Protein backbone atom coordinates (compact mmCIF):
# COMPACT_ATOMS: atom_id res chain seq x y z
CA UNK A 1 -76.52 80.38 -50.90
CA UNK A 2 -77.48 84.01 -50.30
CA UNK A 3 -80.41 85.89 -51.77
CA UNK A 4 -81.65 89.45 -51.51
CA UNK A 5 -85.29 90.20 -52.25
CA UNK A 6 -86.61 93.70 -52.83
CA UNK A 7 -89.94 93.03 -51.19
CA UNK A 8 -93.34 94.61 -50.69
CA UNK A 9 -95.19 92.71 -47.94
CA UNK A 10 -98.54 93.94 -49.33
CA UNK A 11 -97.90 92.14 -52.65
CA UNK A 12 -99.04 88.53 -52.98
CA UNK A 13 -96.43 87.69 -55.63
CA UNK A 14 -93.70 89.16 -53.47
CA UNK A 15 -94.88 87.15 -50.44
CA UNK A 16 -94.99 83.93 -52.51
CA UNK A 17 -91.49 84.58 -53.86
CA UNK A 18 -90.18 85.18 -50.35
CA UNK A 19 -91.78 81.91 -49.21
CA UNK A 20 -90.00 80.02 -52.01
CA UNK A 21 -86.69 81.53 -50.91
CA UNK A 22 -87.31 80.72 -47.25
CA UNK A 23 -88.12 77.09 -48.12
CA UNK A 24 -84.70 76.53 -49.69
CA UNK A 25 -82.34 74.59 -47.41
CA UNK A 26 -79.35 76.67 -46.33
CA UNK A 27 -80.63 79.84 -47.98
CA UNK A 28 -79.69 83.08 -46.22
CA UNK A 29 -82.32 85.63 -47.26
CA UNK A 30 -81.95 89.38 -46.90
CA UNK A 31 -85.30 91.13 -47.15
CA UNK A 32 -85.28 94.76 -48.25
CA UNK A 33 -88.63 96.49 -47.99
CA UNK A 34 -87.90 98.76 -50.91
CA UNK A 35 -90.77 101.15 -50.18
CA UNK A 36 -89.06 101.98 -46.87
CA UNK A 37 -85.45 101.60 -48.08
CA UNK A 38 -85.43 102.34 -51.80
CA UNK A 39 -82.46 101.31 -53.90
CA UNK A 40 -80.46 104.01 -55.63
CA UNK A 41 -80.75 104.63 -59.34
CA UNK A 42 -77.30 103.02 -59.72
CA UNK A 43 -78.37 99.90 -57.84
CA UNK A 44 -81.55 99.66 -59.90
CA UNK A 45 -79.52 100.01 -63.11
CA UNK A 46 -77.27 97.14 -61.97
CA UNK A 47 -80.24 94.95 -61.01
CA UNK A 48 -82.01 95.49 -64.33
CA UNK A 49 -78.78 94.98 -66.30
CA UNK A 50 -78.08 91.73 -64.43
CA UNK A 51 -81.68 90.60 -64.99
CA UNK A 52 -81.34 91.30 -68.71
CA UNK A 53 -84.22 93.77 -68.77
CA UNK A 54 -84.53 97.49 -69.37
CA UNK A 55 -85.59 99.94 -66.66
CA UNK A 56 -88.81 100.39 -68.63
CA UNK A 57 -89.48 96.64 -68.28
CA UNK A 58 -88.96 96.97 -64.53
CA UNK A 59 -91.44 99.83 -64.26
CA UNK A 60 -94.63 99.19 -62.34
CA UNK A 61 -97.61 100.47 -64.30
CA UNK A 62 -100.50 99.03 -62.30
CA UNK A 63 -101.58 101.35 -59.50
CA UNK A 64 -99.15 104.11 -60.47
CA UNK A 65 -99.16 107.20 -62.62
CA UNK A 66 -96.26 105.95 -64.76
CA UNK A 67 -98.30 106.00 -67.99
CA UNK A 68 -99.61 109.50 -67.38
CA UNK A 69 -96.05 110.70 -66.78
CA UNK A 70 -94.83 109.10 -70.01
CA UNK A 71 -92.33 106.92 -68.18
CA UNK A 72 -92.76 103.81 -70.37
CA UNK A 73 -91.44 105.86 -73.30
CA UNK A 74 -88.84 107.82 -71.31
CA UNK A 75 -85.11 107.18 -71.47
CA UNK A 76 -83.51 104.82 -68.95
CA UNK A 77 -81.96 107.58 -66.81
CA UNK A 78 -85.35 109.29 -66.40
CA UNK A 79 -87.05 106.02 -65.45
CA UNK A 80 -84.32 105.11 -62.95
CA UNK A 81 -84.43 108.57 -61.36
CA UNK A 82 -88.23 108.35 -61.03
CA UNK A 83 -87.99 104.90 -59.43
CA UNK A 84 -85.33 106.01 -56.96
CA UNK A 85 -87.43 109.03 -55.99
CA UNK A 86 -90.73 107.12 -55.90
CA UNK A 87 -90.06 103.42 -55.20
CA UNK A 88 -93.73 102.51 -55.76
CA UNK A 89 -92.78 102.72 -59.46
CA UNK A 90 -90.50 99.67 -59.11
CA UNK A 91 -92.10 96.40 -60.21
CA UNK A 92 -91.64 93.70 -57.63
CA UNK A 93 -90.18 91.49 -56.46
CA UNK A 94 -86.61 91.68 -57.64
CA UNK A 95 -84.38 88.87 -56.36
CA UNK A 96 -80.59 88.76 -56.54
CA UNK A 97 -78.45 85.67 -55.91
CA UNK A 98 -74.96 84.63 -56.89
CA UNK A 99 -76.51 83.16 -60.05
CA UNK A 100 -78.18 86.36 -61.23
CA UNK A 101 -81.16 88.65 -60.84
CA UNK A 102 -84.79 88.10 -61.77
CA UNK A 103 -87.94 90.15 -61.71
CA UNK A 104 -90.04 87.36 -60.23
CA UNK A 105 -93.37 87.79 -61.97
CA UNK A 106 -94.57 85.07 -61.78
CA UNK A 107 -92.93 83.98 -58.56
CA UNK A 108 -91.54 80.77 -60.08
CA UNK A 109 -89.03 82.89 -62.01
CA UNK A 110 -86.95 82.84 -58.83
CA UNK A 111 -86.19 79.16 -59.44
CA UNK A 112 -84.01 80.18 -62.41
CA UNK A 113 -81.43 81.72 -60.06
CA UNK A 114 -81.44 79.17 -57.23
C-alpha cells in the first residue's frame, strides 16, 4: 500500500501519524513537508473533498491569524487560496491512501484508511 502524508516535522501529532504509517508492513510512504512544498489550492480542494470535510474544517486556527482574517467564515475558494499562499494555515497532518484521505487529528484517524 502507498500513503502520502502532508507533514510538519515540528508537530507531535504529525510525527506520531508518520510513525504509525512507517510501522505498517509493506507501506510505501511519501512524506511531503507542506511548509516547504505547499499543495495547490486544487490539490487541497481534492484532499478535503476526499476526506469529507470542508476547507474551513481543514483550517489551522491555533498559532495562526486565521480568526483575525475571518477565514473560518470565508467561502471555500478564499480559504483554499489563503492556504496555498500560506501553508501554515493548513491543519496537519493530512494522509492520503488508496482507501481515502483523513485529517489525522488525533493520529489514530489514519487507521481508518489503512
